[in-house]
Amino acid sequence: RNNPDVPVIIISGHGNIEIAVAAIKQGAYDFIE
């Protein structure tokens, strides 16, 4: 919302497809487990 040009890479130790899809839908560039 405030910094739309900043790409965001999400990382998590509890990754699953639902979390990855949710992150991508919110604008994350990619998801790494």
Full PDB file with SEQRES, HELIX, SHEET, SSBOND, CRYST1, ORIGX, SCALE, CONECT and MASTER records, all heavy atoms in Angstrom:
SEQRES   1 A   33  ARG ASN ASN PRO ASP VAL PRO VAL ILE ILE ILE SER GLY          
SEQRES   2 A   33  HIS GLY ASN ILE GLU ILE ALA VAL ALA ALA ILE LYS GLN          
SEQRES   3 A   33  GLY ALA TYR ASP PHE ILE GLU                                  
HELIX    1 AA1 ILE A   17  LYS A   25  1                                   9    
SHEET    1 AA1 2 ILE A   9  ILE A  11  0                                        
SHEET    2 AA1 2 ASP A  30  ILE A  32  1                                        
CRYST1    1.000    1.000    1.000  90.00  90.00  90.00 P 1           1          
ORIGX1      1.000000  0.000000  0.000000        0.00000                         
ORIGX2      0.000000  1.000000  0.000000        0.00000                         
ORIGX3      0.000000  0.000000  1.000000        0.00000                         
SCALE1      1.000000  0.000000  0.000000        0.00000                         
SCALE2      0.000000  1.000000  0.000000        0.00000                         
SCALE3      0.000000  0.000000  1.000000        0.00000                         
ATOM      1  N   ARG A   1       0.826  -1.207   0.000  1.00  0.00           N  
ATOM      2  CA  ARG A   1       0.000   0.000   0.000  1.00  0.00           C  
ATOM      3  C   ARG A   1       0.863   1.261   0.000  1.00  0.00           C  
ATOM      4  O   ARG A   1       0.576   2.217  -0.730  1.00  0.00           O  
ATOM      5  CB  ARG A   1      -0.901  -0.007   1.239  1.00  0.00           C  
ATOM      6  CG  ARG A   1      -1.864   1.201   1.299  1.00  0.00           C  
ATOM      7  CD  ARG A   1      -2.851   1.072   2.451  1.00  0.00           C  
ATOM      8  NE  ARG A   1      -2.193   1.074   3.753  1.00  0.00           N  
ATOM      9  CZ  ARG A   1      -2.088   0.010   4.545  1.00  0.00           C  
ATOM     10  NH1 ARG A   1      -2.624  -1.154   4.162  1.00  0.00           N  
ATOM     11  NH2 ARG A   1      -1.478   0.083   5.718  1.00  0.00           N  
ATOM     12  N   ASN A   2       1.914   1.272   0.807  1.00  0.00           N  
ATOM     13  CA  ASN A   2       2.725   2.483   0.971  1.00  0.00           C  
ATOM     14  C   ASN A   2       3.997   2.503   0.127  1.00  0.00           C  
ATOM     15  O   ASN A   2       4.532   3.572  -0.168  1.00  0.00           O  
ATOM     16  CB  ASN A   2       3.109   2.665   2.444  1.00  0.00           C  
ATOM     17  CG  ASN A   2       1.894   2.815   3.339  1.00  0.00           C  
ATOM     18  OD1 ASN A   2       0.853   3.315   2.923  1.00  0.00           O  
ATOM     19  ND2 ASN A   2       2.020   2.364   4.583  1.00  0.00           N  
ATOM     20  N   ASN A   3       4.514   1.332  -0.212  1.00  0.00           N  
ATOM     21  CA  ASN A   3       5.755   1.231  -0.998  1.00  0.00           C  
ATOM     22  C   ASN A   3       5.563   0.219  -2.119  1.00  0.00           C  
ATOM     23  O   ASN A   3       6.216  -0.841  -2.145  1.00  0.00           O  
ATOM     24  CB  ASN A   3       6.935   0.814  -0.102  1.00  0.00           C  
ATOM     25  CG  ASN A   3       7.081   1.679   1.135  1.00  0.00           C  
ATOM     26  OD1 ASN A   3       6.416   1.450   2.145  1.00  0.00           O  
ATOM     27  ND2 ASN A   3       7.948   2.669   1.061  1.00  0.00           N  
ATOM     28  N   PRO A   4       4.674   0.505  -3.061  1.00  0.00           N  
ATOM     29  CA  PRO A   4       4.292  -0.502  -4.061  1.00  0.00           C  
ATOM     30  C   PRO A   4       5.424  -0.949  -4.974  1.00  0.00           C  
ATOM     31  O   PRO A   4       5.351  -2.031  -5.565  1.00  0.00           O  
ATOM     32  CB  PRO A   4       3.181   0.198  -4.858  1.00  0.00           C  
ATOM     33  CG  PRO A   4       3.420   1.657  -4.644  1.00  0.00           C  
ATOM     34  CD  PRO A   4       3.959   1.780  -3.254  1.00  0.00           C  
ATOM     35  N   ASP A   5       6.479  -0.140  -5.111  1.00  0.00           N  
ATOM     36  CA  ASP A   5       7.573  -0.517  -6.012  1.00  0.00           C  
ATOM     37  C   ASP A   5       8.604  -1.436  -5.365  1.00  0.00           C  
ATOM     38  O   ASP A   5       9.532  -1.898  -6.037  1.00  0.00           O  
ATOM     39  CB  ASP A   5       8.284   0.741  -6.521  1.00  0.00           C  
ATOM     40  CG  ASP A   5       7.417   1.558  -7.458  1.00  0.00           C  
ATOM     41  OD1 ASP A   5       6.546   0.953  -8.111  1.00  0.00           O  
ATOM     42  OD2 ASP A   5       7.599   2.783  -7.528  1.00  0.00           O  
ATOM     43  N   VAL A   6       8.466  -1.701  -4.054  1.00  0.00           N  
ATOM     44  CA  VAL A   6       9.430  -2.560  -3.359  1.00  0.00           C  
ATOM     45  C   VAL A   6       9.020  -4.025  -3.523  1.00  0.00           C  
ATOM     46  O   VAL A   6       7.967  -4.433  -3.034  1.00  0.00           O  
ATOM     47  CB  VAL A   6       9.519  -2.205  -1.861  1.00  0.00           C  
ATOM     48  CG1 VAL A   6      10.447  -3.178  -1.133  1.00  0.00           C  
ATOM     49  CG2 VAL A   6       9.997  -0.773  -1.678  1.00  0.00           C  
ATOM     50  N   PRO A   7       9.823  -4.851  -4.189  1.00  0.00           N  
ATOM     51  CA  PRO A   7       9.502  -6.271  -4.283  1.00  0.00           C  
ATOM     52  C   PRO A   7       9.724  -6.964  -2.935  1.00  0.00           C  
ATOM     53  O   PRO A   7      10.692  -6.670  -2.232  1.00  0.00           O  
ATOM     54  CB  PRO A   7      10.470  -6.801  -5.348  1.00  0.00           C  
ATOM     55  CG  PRO A   7      11.591  -5.824  -5.381  1.00  0.00           C  
ATOM     56  CD  PRO A   7      11.042  -4.498  -4.949  1.00  0.00           C  
ATOM     57  N   VAL A   8       8.823  -7.876  -2.579  1.00  0.00           N  
ATOM     58  CA  VAL A   8       8.888  -8.575  -1.287  1.00  0.00           C  
ATOM     59  C   VAL A   8       8.975 -10.081  -1.531  1.00  0.00           C  
ATOM     60  O   VAL A   8       8.132 -10.649  -2.226  1.00  0.00           O  
ATOM     61  CB  VAL A   8       7.654  -8.262  -0.420  1.00  0.00           C  
ATOM     62  CG1 VAL A   8       7.740  -9.017   0.913  1.00  0.00           C  
ATOM     63  CG2 VAL A   8       7.521  -6.763  -0.176  1.00  0.00           C  
ATOM     64  N   ILE A   9      10.010 -10.692  -0.947  1.00  0.00           N  
ATOM     65  CA  ILE A   9      10.167 -12.151  -1.008  1.00  0.00           C  
ATOM     66  C   ILE A   9       9.794 -12.704   0.362  1.00  0.00           C  
ATOM     67  O   ILE A   9      10.392 -12.328   1.373  1.00  0.00           O  
ATOM     68  CB  ILE A   9      11.611 -12.541  -1.377  1.00  0.00           C  
ATOM     69  CG1 ILE A   9      11.971 -11.998  -2.770  1.00  0.00           C  
ATOM     70  CG2 ILE A   9      11.790 -14.054  -1.326  1.00  0.00           C  
ATOM     71  CD1 ILE A   9      13.432 -12.168  -3.127  1.00  0.00           C  
ATOM     72  N   ILE A  10       8.793 -13.581   0.397  1.00  0.00           N  
ATOM     73  CA  ILE A  10       8.324 -14.177   1.640  1.00  0.00           C  
ATOM     74  C   ILE A  10       9.108 -15.457   1.923  1.00  0.00           C  
ATOM     75  O   ILE A  10       9.308 -16.288   1.031  1.00  0.00           O  
ATOM     76  CB  ILE A  10       6.817 -14.504   1.562  1.00  0.00           C  
ATOM     77  CG1 ILE A  10       5.998 -13.214   1.450  1.00  0.00           C  
ATOM     78  CG2 ILE A  10       6.367 -15.316   2.767  1.00  0.00           C  
ATOM     79  CD1 ILE A  10       5.980 -12.378   2.700  1.00  0.00           C  
ATOM     80  N   ILE A  11       9.583 -15.617   3.184  1.00  0.00           N  
ATOM     81  CA  ILE A  11      10.220 -16.863   3.599  1.00  0.00           C  
ATOM     82  C   ILE A  11       9.496 -17.387   4.832  1.00  0.00           C  
ATOM     83  O   ILE A  11       8.957 -16.616   5.629  1.00  0.00           O  
ATOM     84  CB  ILE A  11      11.724 -16.665   3.911  1.00  0.00           C  
ATOM     85  CG1 ILE A  11      11.919 -15.610   5.004  1.00  0.00           C  
ATOM     86  CG2 ILE A  11      12.495 -16.292   2.656  1.00  0.00           C  
ATOM     87  CD1 ILE A  11      13.369 -15.449   5.444  1.00  0.00           C  
ATOM     88  N   SER A  12       9.441 -18.695   4.967  1.00  0.00           N  
ATOM     89  CA  SER A  12       8.765 -19.286   6.129  1.00  0.00           C  
ATOM     90  C   SER A  12       9.198 -20.722   6.331  1.00  0.00           C  
ATOM     91  O   SER A  12       9.445 -21.446   5.367  1.00  0.00           O  
ATOM     92  CB  SER A  12       7.240 -19.234   5.945  1.00  0.00           C  
ATOM     93  OG  SER A  12       6.595 -19.890   7.018  1.00  0.00           O  
ATOM     94  N   GLY A  13       9.253 -21.106   7.601  1.00  0.00           N  
ATOM     95  CA  GLY A  13       9.547 -22.501   7.934  1.00  0.00           C  
ATOM     96  C   GLY A  13       8.293 -23.339   8.037  1.00  0.00           C  
ATOM     97  O   GLY A  13       8.341 -24.525   8.330  1.00  0.00           O  
ATOM     98  N   HIS A  14       7.159 -22.727   7.834  1.00  0.00           N  
ATOM     99  CA  HIS A  14       5.877 -23.435   7.947  1.00  0.00           C  
ATOM    100  C   HIS A  14       5.110 -23.318   6.637  1.00  0.00           C  
ATOM    101  O   HIS A  14       3.915 -23.115   6.601  1.00  0.00           O  
ATOM    102  CB  HIS A  14       5.036 -22.839   9.088  1.00  0.00           C  
ATOM    103  CG  HIS A  14       5.788 -22.701  10.370  1.00  0.00           C  
ATOM    104  ND1 HIS A  14       5.972 -23.762  11.223  1.00  0.00           N  
ATOM    105  CD2 HIS A  14       6.436 -21.644  10.919  1.00  0.00           C  
ATOM    106  CE1 HIS A  14       6.684 -23.345  12.274  1.00  0.00           C  
ATOM    107  NE2 HIS A  14       6.979 -22.065  12.109  1.00  0.00           N  
ATOM    108  N   GLY A  15       5.850 -23.412   5.551  1.00  0.00           N  
ATOM    109  CA  GLY A  15       5.238 -23.149   4.258  1.00  0.00           C  
ATOM    110  C   GLY A  15       4.257 -24.212   3.812  1.00  0.00           C  
ATOM    111  O   GLY A  15       4.415 -25.394   4.078  1.00  0.00           O  
ATOM    112  N   ASN A  16       3.231 -23.760   3.172  1.00  0.00           N  
ATOM    113  CA  ASN A  16       2.312 -24.646   2.471  1.00  0.00           C  
ATOM    114  C   ASN A  16       1.732 -23.866   1.305  1.00  0.00           C  
ATOM    115  O   ASN A  16       1.921 -22.663   1.185  1.00  0.00           O  
ATOM    116  CB  ASN A  16       1.218 -25.180   3.399  1.00  0.00           C  
ATOM    117  CG  ASN A  16       0.444 -24.063   4.061  1.00  0.00           C  
ATOM    118  OD1 ASN A  16      -0.022 -23.146   3.390  1.00  0.00           O  
ATOM    119  ND2 ASN A  16       0.316 -24.136   5.383  1.00  0.00           N  
ATOM    120  N   ILE A  17       1.025 -24.549   0.445  1.00  0.00           N  
ATOM    121  CA  ILE A  17       0.545 -23.927  -0.781  1.00  0.00           C  
ATOM    122  C   ILE A  17      -0.446 -22.810  -0.487  1.00  0.00           C  
ATOM    123  O   ILE A  17      -0.483 -21.798  -1.179  1.00  0.00           O  
ATOM    124  CB  ILE A  17      -0.075 -24.992  -1.706  1.00  0.00           C  
ATOM    125  CG1 ILE A  17      -0.355 -24.382  -3.100  1.00  0.00           C  
ATOM    126  CG2 ILE A  17      -1.336 -25.564  -1.102  1.00  0.00           C  
ATOM    127  CD1 ILE A  17       0.863 -23.913  -3.822  1.00  0.00           C  
ATOM    128  N   GLU A  18      -1.261 -22.970   0.581  1.00  0.00           N  
ATOM    129  CA  GLU A  18      -2.240 -21.926   0.903  1.00  0.00           C  
ATOM    130  C   GLU A  18      -1.543 -20.625   1.298  1.00  0.00           C  
ATOM    131  O   GLU A  18      -1.943 -19.529   0.895  1.00  0.00           O  
ATOM    132  CB  GLU A  18      -3.164 -22.386   2.039  1.00  0.00           C  
ATOM    133  CG  GLU A  18      -4.154 -23.467   1.641  1.00  0.00           C  
ATOM    134  CD  GLU A  18      -3.520 -24.858   1.625  1.00  0.00           C  
ATOM    135  OE1 GLU A  18      -2.360 -24.983   2.099  1.00  0.00           O  
ATOM    136  OE2 GLU A  18      -4.159 -25.793   1.131  1.00  0.00           O  
ATOM    137  N   ILE A  19      -0.481 -20.737   2.144  1.00  0.00           N  
ATOM    138  CA  ILE A  19       0.259 -19.548   2.561  1.00  0.00           C  
ATOM    139  C   ILE A  19       0.933 -18.894   1.353  1.00  0.00           C  
ATOM    140  O   ILE A  19       0.914 -17.665   1.200  1.00  0.00           O  
ATOM    141  CB  ILE A  19       1.309 -19.908   3.632  1.00  0.00           C  
ATOM    142  CG1 ILE A  19       0.619 -20.396   4.920  1.00  0.00           C  
ATOM    143  CG2 ILE A  19       2.197 -18.714   3.929  1.00  0.00           C  
ATOM    144  CD1 ILE A  19       1.583 -20.895   5.965  1.00  0.00           C  
ATOM    145  N   ALA A  20       1.520 -19.712   0.477  1.00  0.00           N  
ATOM    146  CA  ALA A  20       2.203 -19.180  -0.702  1.00  0.00           C  
ATOM    147  C   ALA A  20       1.229 -18.428  -1.597  1.00  0.00           C  
ATOM    148  O   ALA A  20       1.504 -17.307  -2.051  1.00  0.00           O  
ATOM    149  CB  ALA A  20       2.868 -20.313  -1.486  1.00  0.00           C  
ATOM    150  N   VAL A  21       0.053 -19.029  -1.841  1.00  0.00           N  
ATOM    151  CA  VAL A  21      -0.948 -18.380  -2.693  1.00  0.00           C  
ATOM    152  C   VAL A  21      -1.426 -17.080  -2.061  1.00  0.00           C  
ATOM    153  O   VAL A  21      -1.582 -16.057  -2.746  1.00  0.00           O  
ATOM    154  CB  VAL A  21      -2.137 -19.337  -2.944  1.00  0.00           C  
ATOM    155  CG1 VAL A  21      -3.289 -18.596  -3.624  1.00  0.00           C  
ATOM    156  CG2 VAL A  21      -1.693 -20.505  -3.804  1.00  0.00           C  
ATOM    157  N   ALA A  22      -1.652 -17.096  -0.730  1.00  0.00           N  
ATOM    158  CA  ALA A  22      -2.100 -15.883  -0.036  1.00  0.00           C  
ATOM    159  C   ALA A  22      -1.066 -14.773  -0.169  1.00  0.00           C  
ATOM    160  O   ALA A  22      -1.408 -13.596  -0.400  1.00  0.00           O  
ATOM    161  CB  ALA A  22      -2.367 -16.190   1.434  1.00  0.00           C  
ATOM    162  N   ALA A  23       0.219 -15.116  -0.037  1.00  0.00           N  
ATOM    163  CA  ALA A  23       1.285 -14.118  -0.134  1.00  0.00           C  
ATOM    164  C   ALA A  23       1.380 -13.544  -1.550  1.00  0.00           C  
ATOM    165  O   ALA A  23       1.516 -12.329  -1.738  1.00  0.00           O  
ATOM    166  CB  ALA A  23       2.623 -14.732   0.273  1.00  0.00           C  
ATOM    167  N   ILE A  24       1.289 -14.417  -2.556  1.00  0.00           N  
ATOM    168  CA  ILE A  24       1.370 -13.957  -3.941  1.00  0.00           C  
ATOM    169  C   ILE A  24       0.188 -13.054  -4.272  1.00  0.00           C  
ATOM    170  O   ILE A  24       0.324 -12.016  -4.932  1.00  0.00           O  
ATOM    171  CB  ILE A  24       1.427 -15.146  -4.919  1.00  0.00           C  
ATOM    172  CG1 ILE A  24       2.693 -16.003  -4.670  1.00  0.00           C  
ATOM    173  CG2 ILE A  24       1.383 -14.666  -6.361  1.00  0.00           C  
ATOM    174  CD1 ILE A  24       3.991 -15.260  -4.841  1.00  0.00           C  
ATOM    175  N   LYS A  25      -1.004 -13.421  -3.790  1.00  0.00           N  
ATOM    176  CA  LYS A  25      -2.190 -12.606  -4.055  1.00  0.00           C  
ATOM    177  C   LYS A  25      -2.075 -11.221  -3.437  1.00  0.00           C  
ATOM    178  O   LYS A  25      -2.636 -10.253  -3.953  1.00  0.00           O  
ATOM    179  CB  LYS A  25      -3.434 -13.312  -3.518  1.00  0.00           C  
ATOM    180  CG  LYS A  25      -3.916 -14.473  -4.381  1.00  0.00           C  
ATOM    181  CD  LYS A  25      -5.198 -15.066  -3.831  1.00  0.00           C  
ATOM    182  CE  LYS A  25      -5.723 -16.172  -4.746  1.00  0.00           C  
ATOM    183  NZ  LYS A  25      -6.973 -16.768  -4.207  1.00  0.00           N  
ATOM    184  N   GLN A  26      -1.362 -11.124  -2.325  1.00  0.00           N  
ATOM    185  CA  GLN A  26      -1.186  -9.820  -1.672  1.00  0.00           C  
ATOM    186  C   GLN A  26      -0.050  -9.005  -2.283  1.00  0.00           C  
ATOM    187  O   GLN A  26       0.224  -7.898  -1.829  1.00  0.00           O  
ATOM    188  CB  GLN A  26      -0.936 -10.029  -0.169  1.00  0.00           C  
ATOM    189  CG  GLN A  26      -2.116 -10.589   0.591  1.00  0.00           C  
ATOM    190  CD  GLN A  26      -3.332  -9.680   0.553  1.00  0.00           C  
ATOM    191  OE1 GLN A  26      -3.208  -8.458   0.454  1.00  0.00           O  
ATOM    192  NE2 GLN A  26      -4.525 -10.280   0.612  1.00  0.00           N  
ATOM    193  N   GLY A  27       0.619  -9.569  -3.285  1.00  0.00           N  
ATOM    194  CA  GLY A  27       1.632  -8.796  -3.993  1.00  0.00           C  
ATOM    195  C   GLY A  27       3.067  -9.227  -3.790  1.00  0.00           C  
ATOM    196  O   GLY A  27       3.986  -8.552  -4.275  1.00  0.00           O  
ATOM    197  N   ALA A  28       3.292 -10.340  -3.059  1.00  0.00           N  
ATOM    198  CA  ALA A  28       4.669 -10.818  -2.882  1.00  0.00           C  
ATOM    199  C   ALA A  28       5.257 -11.232  -4.228  1.00  0.00           C  
ATOM    200  O   ALA A  28       4.547 -11.755  -5.091  1.00  0.00           O  
ATOM    201  CB  ALA A  28       4.712 -11.989  -1.905  1.00  0.00           C  
ATOM    202  N   TYR A  29       6.551 -11.004  -4.382  1.00  0.00           N  
ATOM    203  CA  TYR A  29       7.196 -11.402  -5.636  1.00  0.00           C  
ATOM    204  C   TYR A  29       7.358 -12.913  -5.711  1.00  0.00           C  
ATOM    205  O   TYR A  29       7.128 -13.518  -6.754  1.00  0.00           O  
ATOM    206  CB  TYR A  29       8.563 -10.724  -5.781  1.00  0.00           C  
ATOM    207  CG  TYR A  29       9.289 -11.136  -7.041  1.00  0.00           C  
ATOM    208  CD1 TYR A  29       8.987 -10.529  -8.247  1.00  0.00           C  
ATOM    209  CD2 TYR A  29      10.244 -12.144  -7.025  1.00  0.00           C  
ATOM    210  CE1 TYR A  29       9.621 -10.918  -9.417  1.00  0.00           C  
ATOM    211  CE2 TYR A  29      10.886 -12.534  -8.188  1.00  0.00           C  
ATOM    212  CZ  TYR A  29      10.566 -11.922  -9.383  1.00  0.00           C  
ATOM    213  OH  TYR A  29      11.184 -12.312 -10.541  1.00  0.00           O  
ATOM    214  N   ASP A  30       7.736 -13.533  -4.591  1.00  0.00           N  
ATOM    215  CA  ASP A  30       7.924 -14.987  -4.577  1.00  0.00           C  
ATOM    216  C   ASP A  30       7.878 -15.486  -3.142  1.00  0.00           C  
ATOM    217  O   ASP A  30       7.905 -14.693  -2.187  1.00  0.00           O  
ATOM    218  CB  ASP A  30       9.261 -15.366  -5.229  1.00  0.00           C  
ATOM    219  CG  ASP A  30       9.191 -16.714  -5.941  1.00  0.00           C  
ATOM    220  OD1 ASP A  30       8.335 -17.538  -5.540  1.00  0.00           O  
ATOM    221  OD2 ASP A  30       9.972 -16.934  -6.874  1.00  0.00           O  
ATOM    222  N   PHE A  31       7.819 -16.808  -2.990  1.00  0.00           N  
ATOM    223  CA  PHE A  31       7.717 -17.466  -1.691  1.00  0.00           C  
ATOM    224  C   PHE A  31       8.785 -18.556  -1.637  1.00  0.00           C  
ATOM    225  O   PHE A  31       8.893 -19.393  -2.534  1.00  0.00           O  
ATOM    226  CB  PHE A  31       6.322 -18.085  -1.532  1.00  0.00           C  
ATOM    227  CG  PHE A  31       6.122 -18.809  -0.222  1.00  0.00           C  
ATOM    228  CD1 PHE A  31       5.574 -18.156   0.875  1.00  0.00           C  
ATOM    229  CD2 PHE A  31       6.474 -20.148  -0.081  1.00  0.00           C  
ATOM    230  CE1 PHE A  31       5.379 -18.817   2.077  1.00  0.00           C  
ATOM    231  CE2 PHE A  31       6.294 -20.815   1.113  1.00  0.00           C  
ATOM    232  CZ  PHE A  31       5.747 -20.153   2.196  1.00  0.00           C  
ATOM    233  N   ILE A  32       9.615 -18.535  -0.573  1.00  0.00           N  
ATOM    234  CA  ILE A  32      10.664 -19.539  -0.407  1.00  0.00           C  
ATOM    235  C   ILE A  32      10.499 -20.189   0.967  1.00  0.00           C  
ATOM    236  O   ILE A  32      10.362 -19.501   1.981  1.00  0.00           O  
ATOM    237  CB  ILE A  32      12.071 -18.911  -0.520  1.00  0.00           C  
ATOM    238  CG1 ILE A  32      12.252 -18.282  -1.897  1.00  0.00           C  
ATOM    239  CG2 ILE A  32      13.148 -19.954  -0.268  1.00  0.00           C  
ATOM    240  CD1 ILE A  32      13.594 -17.601  -2.074  1.00  0.00           C  
ATOM    241  N   GLU A  33      10.530 -21.503   0.984  1.00  0.00           N  
ATOM    242  CA  GLU A  33      10.342 -22.239   2.236  1.00  0.00           C  
ATOM    243  C   GLU A  33      11.684 -22.524   2.901  1.00  0.00           C  
ATOM    244  O   GLU A  33      12.674 -22.876   2.242  1.00  0.00           O  
ATOM    245  CB  GLU A  33       9.613 -23.555   1.947  1.00  0.00           C  
ATOM    246  CG  GLU A  33       9.243 -24.338   3.195  1.00  0.00           C  
ATOM    247  CD  GLU A  33       8.434 -25.576   2.878  1.00  0.00           C  
ATOM    248  OE1 GLU A  33       8.174 -25.825   1.696  1.00  0.00           O  
ATOM    249  OE2 GLU A  33       8.074 -26.301   3.830  1.00  0.00           O  
TER     250      GLU A  33                                                      
MASTER        0    0    0    1    2    0    0    6  249    1    0    3          
END                                                                             
